[in-house]
PDB file of N, CA and C in Angstrom:
ATOM      1  N   UNK A   1       0.877  -1.218  -0.043  1.00  0.00           N
ATOM      2  CA  UNK A   1       0.050   0.089   0.050  1.00  0.00           C
ATOM      3  C   UNK A   1       0.874   1.279   0.078  1.00  0.00           C
ATOM      4  N   UNK A   2       0.445   2.107  -0.733  1.00  0.00           N
ATOM      5  CA  UNK A   2       1.147   3.511  -0.607  1.00  0.00           C
ATOM      6  C   UNK A   2       0.803   4.193   0.502  1.00  0.00           C
ATOM      7  N   UNK A   3       1.682   5.279   0.630  1.00  0.00           N
ATOM      8  CA  UNK A   3       1.279   6.133   1.833  1.00  0.00           C
ATOM      9  C   UNK A   3       0.105   6.933   1.848  1.00  0.00           C
ATOM     10  N   UNK A   4      -0.287   7.121   0.676  1.00  0.00           N
ATOM     11  CA  UNK A   4      -1.621   7.803   0.257  1.00  0.00           C
ATOM     12  C   UNK A   4      -2.761   6.873   0.676  1.00  0.00           C
ATOM     13  N   UNK A   5      -2.774   5.425   0.273  1.00  0.00           N
ATOM     14  CA  UNK A   5      -3.680   4.674   0.568  1.00  0.00           C
ATOM     15  C   UNK A   5      -3.700   4.310   2.091  1.00  0.00           C
ATOM     16  N   UNK A   6      -2.673   4.416   2.656  1.00  0.00           N
ATOM     17  CA  UNK A   6      -2.528   4.268   4.199  1.00  0.00           C
ATOM     18  C   UNK A   6      -3.221   5.368   4.998  1.00  0.00           C
ATOM     19  N   UNK A   7      -3.074   6.533   4.466  1.00  0.00           N
ATOM     20  CA  UNK A   7      -3.681   7.771   4.919  1.00  0.00           C
ATOM     21  C   UNK A   7      -4.995   7.623   4.800  1.00  0.00           C
ATOM     22  N   UNK A   8      -5.667   7.298   3.749  1.00  0.00           N
ATOM     23  CA  UNK A   8      -7.040   7.118   3.590  1.00  0.00           C
ATOM     24  C   UNK A   8      -7.474   6.127   4.529  1.00  0.00           C
ATOM     25  N   UNK A   9      -6.756   5.071   4.442  1.00  0.00           N
ATOM     26  CA  UNK A   9      -7.457   3.894   5.403  1.00  0.00           C
ATOM     27  C   UNK A   9      -7.464   4.450   6.934  1.00  0.00           C
ATOM     28  N   UNK A  10      -6.586   5.317   7.335  1.00  0.00           N
ATOM     29  CA  UNK A  10      -6.344   5.770   8.727  1.00  0.00           C
ATOM     30  C   UNK A  10      -7.783   6.741   8.843  1.00  0.00           C
ATOM     31  N   UNK A  11      -7.682   7.528   7.816  1.00  0.00           N
ATOM     32  CA  UNK A  11      -8.985   8.708   7.854  1.00  0.00           C
ATOM     33  C   UNK A  11     -10.316   7.881   7.875  1.00  0.00           C
ATOM     34  N   UNK A  12     -10.524   6.760   7.232  1.00  0.00           N
ATOM     35  CA  UNK A  12     -11.584   6.137   7.235  1.00  0.00           C
ATOM     36  C   UNK A  12     -11.849   5.528   8.702  1.00  0.00           C
ATOM     37  N   UNK A  13     -10.864   5.098   9.108  1.00  0.00           N
ATOM     38  CA  UNK A  13     -10.999   4.502  10.541  1.00  0.00           C
ATOM     39  C   UNK A  13     -11.377   5.641  11.568  1.00  0.00           C
ATOM     40  N   UNK A  14     -10.727   6.570  11.416  1.00  0.00           N
ATOM     41  CA  UNK A  14     -10.996   7.816  12.247  1.00  0.00           C
ATOM     42  C   UNK A  14     -12.586   8.146  12.047  1.00  0.00           C
ATOM     43  N   UNK A  15     -13.124   8.199  10.889  1.00  0.00           N
ATOM     44  CA  UNK A  15     -14.407   8.420  10.594  1.00  0.00           C
ATOM     45  C   UNK A  15     -15.307   7.566  11.297  1.00  0.00           C
ATOM     46  N   UNK A  16     -15.003   6.374  11.206  1.00  0.00           N
ATOM     47  CA  UNK A  16     -15.936   5.236  11.613  1.00  0.00           C
ATOM     48  C   UNK A  16     -15.856   5.307  13.130  1.00  0.00           C
ATOM     49  N   UNK A  17     -14.651   5.625  13.854  1.00  0.00           N
ATOM     50  CA  UNK A  17     -14.610   5.771  15.193  1.00  0.00           C
ATOM     51  C   UNK A  17     -15.574   6.883  15.808  1.00  0.00           C
ATOM     52  N   UNK A  18     -15.478   8.128  14.939  1.00  0.00           N
ATOM     53  CA  UNK A  18     -16.352   9.369  15.425  1.00  0.00           C
ATOM     54  C   UNK A  18     -17.862   8.995  15.010  1.00  0.00           C
ATOM     55  N   UNK A  19     -18.267   8.055  13.980  1.00  0.00           N
ATOM     56  CA  UNK A  19     -19.549   7.701  13.940  1.00  0.00           C
ATOM     57  C   UNK A  19     -20.059   6.879  15.021  1.00  0.00           C
ATOM     58  N   UNK A  20     -19.048   5.961  15.598  1.00  0.00           N
ATOM     59  CA  UNK A  20     -19.471   5.155  16.616  1.00  0.00           C
ATOM     60  C   UNK A  20     -19.679   5.852  17.879  1.00  0.00           C
ATOM     61  N   UNK A  21     -18.822   6.845  18.154  1.00  0.00           N
ATOM     62  CA  UNK A  21     -18.928   7.733  19.295  1.00  0.00           C
ATOM     63  C   UNK A  21     -20.148   8.375  19.353  1.00  0.00           C
ATOM     64  N   UNK A  22     -20.391   8.987  18.166  1.00  0.00           N
ATOM     65  CA  UNK A  22     -21.806   9.920  18.136  1.00  0.00           C
ATOM     66  C   UNK A  22     -23.019   8.927  18.114  1.00  0.00           C
ATOM     67  N   UNK A  23     -22.904   7.733  17.597  1.00  0.00           N
ATOM     68  CA  UNK A  23     -23.955   6.945  17.558  1.00  0.00           C
ATOM     69  C   UNK A  23     -24.336   6.587  19.106  1.00  0.00           C
ATOM     70  N   UNK A  24     -23.277   6.084  19.693  1.00  0.00           N
ATOM     71  CA  UNK A  24     -23.401   5.596  21.075  1.00  0.00           C
ATOM     72  C   UNK A  24     -23.990   6.859  22.048  1.00  0.00           C
ATOM     73  N   UNK A  25     -23.351   8.086  21.871  1.00  0.00           N
ATOM     74  CA  UNK A  25     -24.049   9.231  22.678  1.00  0.00           C
ATOM     75  C   UNK A  25     -25.316   9.517  22.347  1.00  0.00           C
ATOM     76  N   UNK A  26     -25.834   9.448  20.905  1.00  0.00           N
ATOM     77  CA  UNK A  26     -27.176   9.698  20.440  1.00  0.00           C
ATOM     78  C   UNK A  26     -28.210   8.655  21.218  1.00  0.00           C
ATOM     79  N   UNK A  27     -27.572   7.460  21.344  1.00  0.00           N
ATOM     80  CA  UNK A  27     -28.576   6.474  21.770  1.00  0.00           C
ATOM     81  C   UNK A  27     -28.370   6.409  23.437  1.00  0.00           C
ATOM     82  N   UNK A  28     -27.680   7.196  23.994  1.00  0.00           N
ATOM     83  CA  UNK A  28     -27.443   7.205  25.495  1.00  0.00           C
ATOM     84  C   UNK A  28     -26.919   5.953  26.162  1.00  0.00           C
ATOM     85  N   UNK A  29     -26.136   5.363  25.251  1.00  0.00           N
ATOM     86  CA  UNK A  29     -25.408   3.810  25.575  1.00  0.00           C
ATOM     87  C   UNK A  29     -24.408   4.018  26.596  1.00  0.00           C
ATOM     88  N   UNK A  30     -23.319   4.784  26.114  1.00  0.00           N
ATOM     89  CA  UNK A  30     -22.147   4.802  26.869  1.00  0.00           C
ATOM     90  C   UNK A  30     -21.966   5.099  28.283  1.00  0.00           C
ATOM     91  N   UNK A  31     -22.350   6.342  28.664  1.00  0.00           N
ATOM     92  CA  UNK A  31     -22.228   6.871  30.197  1.00  0.00           C
ATOM     93  C   UNK A  31     -23.286   6.057  30.962  1.00  0.00           C
ATOM     94  N   UNK A  32     -24.428   5.660  30.502  1.00  0.00           N
ATOM     95  CA  UNK A  32     -25.442   4.780  31.299  1.00  0.00           C
ATOM     96  C   UNK A  32     -24.947   3.669  31.817  1.00  0.00           C
ATOM     97  N   UNK A  33     -24.133   2.804  30.909  1.00  0.00           N
ATOM     98  CA  UNK A  33     -23.532   1.669  31.276  1.00  0.00           C
ATOM     99  C   UNK A  33     -22.581   1.808  32.565  1.00  0.00           C
ATOM    100  N   UNK A  34     -21.655   2.767  32.387  1.00  0.00           N
ATOM    101  CA  UNK A  34     -20.963   3.012  33.463  1.00  0.00           C
ATOM    102  C   UNK A  34     -21.586   3.339  34.819  1.00  0.00           C
ATOM    103  N   UNK A  35     -22.512   3.976  34.691  1.00  0.00           N
ATOM    104  CA  UNK A  35     -23.278   4.345  35.934  1.00  0.00           C
ATOM    105  C   UNK A  35     -24.139   3.119  36.402  1.00  0.00           C
ATOM    106  N   UNK A  36     -24.551   2.232  35.623  1.00  0.00           N
ATOM    107  CA  UNK A  36     -25.115   1.120  36.177  1.00  0.00           C
ATOM    108  C   UNK A  36     -24.208  -0.025  36.749  1.00  0.00           C
ATOM    109  N   UNK A  37     -23.101  -0.110  36.119  1.00  0.00           N
ATOM    110  CA  UNK A  37     -22.010  -0.876  36.489  1.00  0.00           C
ATOM    111  C   UNK A  37     -21.545  -0.430  38.130  1.00  0.00           C
ATOM    112  N   UNK A  38     -21.292   0.936  38.210  1.00  0.00           N
ATOM    113  CA  UNK A  38     -20.879   1.514  39.320  1.00  0.00           C
ATOM    114  C   UNK A  38     -22.008   1.184  40.421  1.00  0.00           C
ATOM    115  N   UNK A  39     -23.430   1.325  40.180  1.00  0.00           N
ATOM    116  CA  UNK A  39     -24.485   1.266  40.974  1.00  0.00           C
ATOM    117  C   UNK A  39     -24.583  -0.334  41.262  1.00  0.00           C
ATOM    118  N   UNK A  40     -24.140  -1.279  40.465  1.00  0.00           N
ATOM    119  CA  UNK A  40     -24.380  -2.561  40.708  1.00  0.00           C
ATOM    120  C   UNK A  40     -23.156  -2.773  41.846  1.00  0.00           C
ATOM    121  N   UNK A  41     -22.050  -2.573  41.621  1.00  0.00           N
ATOM    122  CA  UNK A  41     -20.957  -2.686  42.571  1.00  0.00           C
ATOM    123  C   UNK A  41     -21.277  -2.143  43.890  1.00  0.00           C
ATOM    124  N   UNK A  42     -21.812  -0.728  43.952  1.00  0.00           N
ATOM    125  CA  UNK A  42     -22.080  -0.215  45.329  1.00  0.00           C
ATOM    126  C   UNK A  42     -23.286  -1.153  45.908  1.00  0.00           C
ATOM    127  N   UNK A  43     -24.234  -1.668  45.176  1.00  0.00           N
ATOM    128  CA  UNK A  43     -25.325  -2.508  45.763  1.00  0.00           C
ATOM    129  C   UNK A  43     -24.677  -3.722  46.241  1.00  0.00           C
ATOM    130  N   UNK A  44     -23.877  -4.278  45.562  1.00  0.00           N
ATOM    131  CA  UNK A  44     -23.082  -5.500  46.044  1.00  0.00           C
ATOM    132  C   UNK A  44     -22.540  -5.435  47.541  1.00  0.00           C
ATOM    133  N   UNK A  45     -21.635  -4.106  47.589  1.00  0.00           N
ATOM    134  CA  UNK A  45     -21.179  -3.793  48.840  1.00  0.00           C
ATOM    135  C   UNK A  45     -22.218  -3.432  49.843  1.00  0.00           C
ATOM    136  N   UNK A  46     -23.171  -2.845  49.482  1.00  0.00           N
ATOM    137  CA  UNK A  46     -24.188  -2.628  50.583  1.00  0.00           C
ATOM    138  C   UNK A  46     -24.910  -3.797  51.039  1.00  0.00           C
ATOM    139  N   UNK A  47     -25.104  -4.950  50.192  1.00  0.00           N
ATOM    140  CA  UNK A  47     -25.845  -6.228  50.311  1.00  0.00           C
ATOM    141  C   UNK A  47     -24.952  -6.924  51.519  1.00  0.00           C
ATOM    142  N   UNK A  48     -23.740  -7.049  51.108  1.00  0.00           N
ATOM    143  CA  UNK A  48     -22.878  -7.736  52.062  1.00  0.00           C
ATOM    144  C   UNK A  48     -22.829  -7.267  53.392  1.00  0.00           C
ATOM    145  N   UNK A  49     -22.620  -5.698  53.565  1.00  0.00           N
ATOM    146  CA  UNK A  49     -22.687  -5.196  54.633  1.00  0.00           C
ATOM    147  C   UNK A  49     -23.960  -5.322  55.526  1.00  0.00           C
ATOM    148  N   UNK A  50     -25.177  -5.166  54.776  1.00  0.00           N
ATOM    149  CA  UNK A  50     -26.477  -5.542  55.593  1.00  0.00           C
ATOM    150  C   UNK A  50     -26.401  -6.916  55.914  1.00  0.00           C
ATOM    151  N   UNK A  51     -26.075  -7.869  55.143  1.00  0.00           N
ATOM    152  CA  UNK A  51     -25.995  -9.191  55.491  1.00  0.00           C
ATOM    153  C   UNK A  51     -25.180  -9.424  56.744  1.00  0.00           C
ATOM    154  N   UNK A  52     -24.093  -8.963  56.774  1.00  0.00           N
ATOM    155  CA  UNK A  52     -23.292  -8.990  58.126  1.00  0.00           C
ATOM    156  C   UNK A  52     -23.949  -8.482  59.387  1.00  0.00           C
ATOM    157  N   UNK A  53     -24.568  -7.181  58.989  1.00  0.00           N
ATOM    158  CA  UNK A  53     -25.464  -6.588  60.189  1.00  0.00           C
ATOM    159  C   UNK A  53     -26.518  -7.510  60.727  1.00  0.00           C
ATOM    160  N   UNK A  54     -27.360  -8.034  59.867  1.00  0.00           N
ATOM    161  CA  UNK A  54     -28.273  -8.798  60.086  1.00  0.00           C
ATOM    162  C   UNK A  54     -27.922 -10.048  60.781  1.00  0.00           C
ATOM    163  N   UNK A  55     -26.924 -10.745  60.437  1.00  0.00           N
ATOM    164  CA  UNK A  55     -26.455 -11.827  61.097  1.00  0.00           C
ATOM    165  C   UNK A  55     -25.940 -11.448  62.615  1.00  0.00           C
ATOM    166  N   UNK A  56     -25.129 -10.438  62.632  1.00  0.00           N
ATOM    167  CA  UNK A  56     -24.954 -10.013  64.043  1.00  0.00           C
ATOM    168  C   UNK A  56     -26.105  -9.603  64.932  1.00  0.00           C
ATOM    169  N   UNK A  57     -27.092  -9.070  64.288  1.00  0.00           N
ATOM    170  CA  UNK A  57     -28.353  -8.626  65.021  1.00  0.00           C
ATOM    171  C   UNK A  57     -29.147  -9.869  65.513  1.00  0.00           C
ATOM    172  N   UNK A  58     -29.038 -10.785  64.500  1.00  0.00           N
ATOM    173  CA  UNK A  58     -29.812 -12.117  65.083  1.00  0.00           C
ATOM    174  C   UNK A  58     -29.067 -12.861  66.046  1.00  0.00           C
ATOM    175  N   UNK A  59     -27.830 -12.913  66.027  1.00  0.00           N
ATOM    176  CA  UNK A  59     -27.002 -13.486  67.160  1.00  0.00           C
ATOM    177  C   UNK A  59     -27.179 -12.800  68.515  1.00  0.00           C
ATOM    178  N   UNK A  60     -27.214 -11.356  68.294  1.00  0.00           N
ATOM    179  CA  UNK A  60     -27.467 -10.589  69.615  1.00  0.00           C
ATOM    180  C   UNK A  60     -28.854 -10.490  70.065  1.00  0.00           C
ATOM    181  N   UNK A  61     -29.879 -10.482  69.288  1.00  0.00           N
ATOM    182  CA  UNK A  61     -31.296 -10.212  69.731  1.00  0.00           C
ATOM    183  C   UNK A  61     -32.099 -11.295  69.227  1.00  0.00           C
ATOM    184  N   UNK A  62     -31.736 -12.272  68.675  1.00  0.00           N
ATOM    185  CA  UNK A  62     -32.561 -13.364  68.086  1.00  0.00           C
ATOM    186  C   UNK A  62     -33.215 -13.348  66.746  1.00  0.00           C
ATOM    187  N   UNK A  63     -33.538 -14.385  66.112  1.00  0.00           N
ATOM    188  CA  UNK A  63     -33.883 -14.348  64.729  1.00  0.00           C
ATOM    189  C   UNK A  63     -35.296 -13.630  64.497  1.00  0.00           C
ATOM    190  N   UNK A  64     -36.142 -13.576  65.581  1.00  0.00           N
ATOM    191  CA  UNK A  64     -37.489 -12.933  65.324  1.00  0.00           C
ATOM    192  C   UNK A  64     -37.564 -11.443  65.846  1.00  0.00           C
ATOM    193  N   UNK A  65     -36.587 -10.909  66.304  1.00  0.00           N
ATOM    194  CA  UNK A  65     -36.497  -9.650  66.903  1.00  0.00           C
ATOM    195  C   UNK A  65     -36.975  -8.693  65.713  1.00  0.00           C
ATOM    196  N   UNK A  66     -37.601  -7.545  66.252  1.00  0.00           N
ATOM    197  CA  UNK A  66     -38.019  -6.446  65.331  1.00  0.00           C
ATOM    198  C   UNK A  66     -36.713  -6.032  64.469  1.00  0.00           C
ATOM    199  N   UNK A  67     -35.573  -5.813  65.052  1.00  0.00           N
ATOM    200  CA  UNK A  67     -34.429  -5.106  64.427  1.00  0.00           C
ATOM    201  C   UNK A  67     -33.865  -6.287  63.307  1.00  0.00           C
ATOM    202  N   UNK A  68     -33.963  -7.504  63.769  1.00  0.00           N
ATOM    203  CA  UNK A  68     -33.368  -8.496  62.690  1.00  0.00           C
ATOM    204  C   UNK A  68     -34.367  -8.547  61.581  1.00  0.00           C
ATOM    205  N   UNK A  69     -35.513  -8.426  61.723  1.00  0.00           N
ATOM    206  CA  UNK A  69     -36.557  -8.624  60.880  1.00  0.00           C
ATOM    207  C   UNK A  69     -36.589  -7.319  59.846  1.00  0.00           C
ATOM    208  N   UNK A  70     -36.211  -6.171  60.498  1.00  0.00           N
ATOM    209  CA  UNK A  70     -35.968  -4.891  59.725  1.00  0.00           C
ATOM    210  C   UNK A  70     -34.730  -5.120  58.969  1.00  0.00           C
ATOM    211  N   UNK A  71     -33.789  -5.550  59.500  1.00  0.00           N
ATOM    212  CA  UNK A  71     -32.614  -5.811  58.598  1.00  0.00           C
ATOM    213  C   UNK A  71     -32.799  -6.745  57.458  1.00  0.00           C
ATOM    214  N   UNK A  72     -33.746  -7.712  57.642  1.00  0.00           N
ATOM    215  CA  UNK A  72     -33.823  -8.811  56.555  1.00  0.00           C
ATOM    216  C   UNK A  72     -34.721  -7.970  55.473  1.00  0.00           C
ATOM    217  N   UNK A  73     -35.689  -7.035  55.935  1.00  0.00           N
ATOM    218  CA  UNK A  73     -36.543  -6.432  54.953  1.00  0.00           C
ATOM    219  C   UNK A  73     -35.708  -5.488  54.073  1.00  0.00           C
ATOM    220  N   UNK A  74     -34.534  -4.825  54.796  1.00  0.00           N
ATOM    221  CA  UNK A  74     -33.690  -3.835  53.963  1.00  0.00           C
ATOM    222  C   UNK A  74     -32.877  -4.668  53.242  1.00  0.00           C
ATOM    223  N   UNK A  75     -32.351  -5.744  53.629  1.00  0.00           N
ATOM    224  CA  UNK A  75     -31.551  -6.722  52.703  1.00  0.00           C
ATOM    225  C   UNK A  75     -32.272  -7.143  51.498  1.00  0.00           C
ATOM    226  N   UNK A  76     -33.594  -7.447  51.657  1.00  0.00           N
ATOM    227  CA  UNK A  76     -34.412  -7.784  50.586  1.00  0.00           C
ATOM    228  C   UNK A  76     -34.694  -6.745  49.515  1.00  0.00           C
ATOM    229  N   UNK A  77     -34.691  -5.468  50.004  1.00  0.00           N
ATOM    230  CA  UNK A  77     -34.867  -4.301  49.213  1.00  0.00           C
ATOM    231  C   UNK A  77     -33.496  -4.078  48.389  1.00  0.00           C
ATOM    232  N   UNK A  78     -32.480  -4.345  49.074  1.00  0.00           N
ATOM    233  CA  UNK A  78     -31.187  -4.178  48.251  1.00  0.00           C
ATOM    234  C   UNK A  78     -31.052  -5.247  47.369  1.00  0.00           C
ATOM    235  N   UNK A  79     -31.381  -6.284  47.549  1.00  0.00           N
ATOM    236  CA  UNK A  79     -31.370  -7.463  46.547  1.00  0.00           C
ATOM    237  C   UNK A  79     -32.190  -7.218  45.416  1.00  0.00           C
ATOM    238  N   UNK A  80     -33.572  -6.711  45.797  1.00  0.00           N
ATOM    239  CA  UNK A  80     -34.300  -6.534  44.520  1.00  0.00           C
ATOM    240  C   UNK A  80     -33.787  -5.233  43.625  1.00  0.00           C
ATOM    241  N   UNK A  81     -33.253  -4.114  44.262  1.00  0.00           N
ATOM    242  CA  UNK A  81     -32.553  -3.244  43.497  1.00  0.00           C
ATOM    243  C   UNK A  81     -31.602  -3.712  42.763  1.00  0.00           C
ATOM    244  N   UNK A  82     -30.653  -4.645  43.318  1.00  0.00           N
ATOM    245  CA  UNK A  82     -29.616  -5.177  42.389  1.00  0.00           C
ATOM    246  C   UNK A  82     -30.028  -5.959  41.127  1.00  0.00           C
ATOM    247  N   UNK A  83     -31.098  -6.771  41.436  1.00  0.00           N
ATOM    248  CA  UNK A  83     -31.733  -7.543  40.444  1.00  0.00           C
ATOM    249  C   UNK A  83     -32.164  -6.638  39.281  1.00  0.00           C
ATOM    250  N   UNK A  84     -32.747  -5.382  39.766  1.00  0.00           N
ATOM    251  CA  UNK A  84     -33.331  -4.445  38.811  1.00  0.00           C
ATOM    252  C   UNK A  84     -32.097  -3.827  37.839  1.00  0.00           C
ATOM    253  N   UNK A  85     -31.090  -3.482  38.704  1.00  0.00           N
ATOM    254  CA  UNK A  85     -29.794  -2.978  38.002  1.00  0.00           C
ATOM    255  C   UNK A  85     -29.304  -3.997  36.851  1.00  0.00           C
ATOM    256  N   UNK A  86     -29.174  -5.261  37.317  1.00  0.00           N
ATOM    257  CA  UNK A  86     -28.588  -6.217  36.384  1.00  0.00           C
ATOM    258  C   UNK A  86     -29.429  -6.401  35.235  1.00  0.00           C
ATOM    259  N   UNK A  87     -30.991  -6.346  35.506  1.00  0.00           N
ATOM    260  CA  UNK A  87     -31.764  -6.483  34.236  1.00  0.00           C
ATOM    261  C   UNK A  87     -31.609  -5.296  33.145  1.00  0.00           C
ATOM    262  N   UNK A  88     -31.425  -4.187  33.933  1.00  0.00           N
ATOM    263  CA  UNK A  88     -31.257  -3.011  33.010  1.00  0.00           C
ATOM    264  C   UNK A  88     -29.858  -3.061  32.269  1.00  0.00           C
ATOM    265  N   UNK A  89     -28.784  -3.642  32.839  1.00  0.00           N
ATOM    266  CA  UNK A  89     -27.725  -3.792  32.123  1.00  0.00           C
ATOM    267  C   UNK A  89     -27.826  -4.666  31.171  1.00  0.00           C
ATOM    268  N   UNK A  90     -28.421  -5.896  31.139  1.00  0.00           N
ATOM    269  CA  UNK A  90     -28.776  -6.810  30.138  1.00  0.00           C
ATOM    270  C   UNK A  90     -29.480  -6.184  28.935  1.00  0.00           C
ATOM    271  N   UNK A  91     -30.474  -5.324  29.337  1.00  0.00           N
ATOM    272  CA  UNK A  91     -31.368  -4.750  28.450  1.00  0.00           C
ATOM    273  C   UNK A  91     -30.551  -3.763  27.545  1.00  0.00           C
ATOM    274  N   UNK A  92     -29.693  -2.944  28.234  1.00  0.00           N
ATOM    275  CA  UNK A  92     -28.763  -1.920  27.533  1.00  0.00           C
ATOM    276  C   UNK A  92     -27.807  -2.630  26.666  1.00  0.00           C
ATOM    277  N   UNK A  93     -27.095  -3.824  27.165  1.00  0.00           N
ATOM    278  CA  UNK A  93     -26.355  -4.565  26.101  1.00  0.00           C
ATOM    279  C   UNK A  93     -27.132  -5.001  25.121  1.00  0.00           C
ATOM    280  N   UNK A  94     -28.430  -5.486  25.205  1.00  0.00           N
ATOM    281  CA  UNK A  94     -28.858  -5.809  24.090  1.00  0.00           C
ATOM    282  C   UNK A  94     -29.293  -4.877  22.976  1.00  0.00           C
ATOM    283  N   UNK A  95     -29.745  -3.608  23.607  1.00  0.00           N
ATOM    284  CA  UNK A  95     -29.918  -2.509  22.733  1.00  0.00           C
ATOM    285  C   UNK A  95     -28.767  -2.068  21.903  1.00  0.00           C
ATOM    286  N   UNK A  96     -27.566  -2.134  22.726  1.00  0.00           N
ATOM    287  CA  UNK A  96     -26.266  -1.685  22.011  1.00  0.00           C
ATOM    288  C   UNK A  96     -25.871  -2.698  21.032  1.00  0.00           C
ATOM    289  N   UNK A  97     -26.009  -3.955  21.117  1.00  0.00           N
ATOM    290  CA  UNK A  97     -25.773  -4.997  19.966  1.00  0.00           C
ATOM    291  C   UNK A  97     -26.705  -4.657  18.836  1.00  0.00           C
ATOM    292  N   UNK A  98     -28.034  -4.412  19.209  1.00  0.00           N
ATOM    293  CA  UNK A  98     -28.960  -4.158  18.060  1.00  0.00           C
ATOM    294  C   UNK A  98     -28.454  -2.854  17.120  1.00  0.00           C
ATOM    295  N   UNK A  99     -28.232  -1.845  17.900  1.00  0.00           N
ATOM    296  CA  UNK A  99     -27.739  -0.562  17.408  1.00  0.00           C
ATOM    297  C   UNK A  99     -26.458  -0.644  16.679  1.00  0.00           C
ATOM    298  N   UNK A 100     -25.592  -1.349  17.139  1.00  0.00           N
ATOM    299  CA  UNK A 100     -24.307  -1.615  16.359  1.00  0.00           C
ATOM    300  C   UNK A 100     -24.666  -2.312  14.998  1.00  0.00           C
ATOM    301  N   UNK A 101     -25.451  -3.468  15.073  1.00  0.00           N
ATOM    302  CA  UNK A 101     -25.883  -4.204  13.949  1.00  0.00           C
ATOM    303  C   UNK A 101     -26.610  -3.168  12.809  1.00  0.00           C
ATOM    304  N   UNK A 102     -27.444  -2.237  13.373  1.00  0.00           N
ATOM    305  CA  UNK A 102     -27.991  -1.365  12.442  1.00  0.00           C
ATOM    306  C   UNK A 102     -27.089  -0.351  11.859  1.00  0.00           C
ATOM    307  N   UNK A 103     -26.072  -0.092  12.562  1.00  0.00           N
ATOM    308  CA  UNK A 103     -24.979   0.857  12.156  1.00  0.00           C
ATOM    309  C   UNK A 103     -24.118   0.143  11.108  1.00  0.00           C
ATOM    310  N   UNK A 104     -23.682  -1.056  11.417  1.00  0.00           N
ATOM    311  CA  UNK A 104     -23.109  -1.751  10.237  1.00  0.00           C
ATOM    312  C   UNK A 104     -23.663  -1.805   9.136  1.00  0.00           C
ATOM    313  N   UNK A 105     -24.933  -2.175   9.111  1.00  0.00           N
ATOM    314  CA  UNK A 105     -25.915  -2.386   7.905  1.00  0.00           C
ATOM    315  C   UNK A 105     -26.031  -1.076   7.089  1.00  0.00           C
ATOM    316  N   UNK A 106     -26.063  -0.013   7.926  1.00  0.00           N
ATOM    317  CA  UNK A 106     -26.017   1.385   7.063  1.00  0.00           C
ATOM    318  C   UNK A 106     -24.690   1.596   6.655  1.00  0.00           C
ATOM    319  N   UNK A 107     -23.663   1.221   7.156  1.00  0.00           N
ATOM    320  CA  UNK A 107     -22.362   1.561   6.699  1.00  0.00           C
ATOM    321  C   UNK A 107     -22.220   0.611   5.293  1.00  0.00           C
ATOM    322  N   UNK A 108     -22.836  -0.727   5.387  1.00  0.00           N
ATOM    323  CA  UNK A 108     -22.598  -1.500   4.103  1.00  0.00           C
ATOM    324  C   UNK A 108     -23.396  -0.974   3.085  1.00  0.00           C
ATOM    325  N   UNK A 109     -24.600  -0.258   3.600  1.00  0.00           N
ATOM    326  CA  UNK A 109     -25.493   0.211   2.236  1.00  0.00           C
ATOM    327  C   UNK A 109     -24.761   1.455   1.680  1.00  0.00           C
ATOM    328  N   UNK A 110     -24.116   2.339   2.596  1.00  0.00           N
ATOM    329  CA  UNK A 110     -23.367   3.260   1.939  1.00  0.00           C
ATOM    330  C   UNK A 110     -22.217   2.966   1.150  1.00  0.00           C
ATOM    331  N   UNK A 111     -21.437   1.944   1.518  1.00  0.00           N
ATOM    332  CA  UNK A 111     -20.375   1.696   0.825  1.00  0.00           C
ATOM    333  C   UNK A 111     -20.758   0.979  -0.572  1.00  0.00           C
ATOM    334  N   UNK A 112     -22.032   0.235  -0.700  1.00  0.00           N
ATOM    335  CA  UNK A 112     -22.162  -0.415  -1.951  1.00  0.00           C
ATOM    336  C   UNK A 112     -22.790   0.736  -2.653  1.00  0.00           C
TER     337      UNK A 112
END
């Protein structure tokens, strides 16, 4: 390949990268994924802490104490929130795959 051909290939790659970045930001895909990932990790930490607190409370006050039951309910809520975040992450990944397929198909049409 000549230097000019290499330059055009490099420019094409840059254009594609810009299109991908624009496409992702237009769909609201990129930043949200990081936020969900952070939220998931945060929830896992909170779940572990609440679980330890509940176990200690149960040892101290008994399994049927109001404080232990309250901790258990709070743990249930955290687990539910975690499941919702995981579900949203899966849905977002699916939307992203579909969006990339659409983008690739539009590039193929543009090239042909």
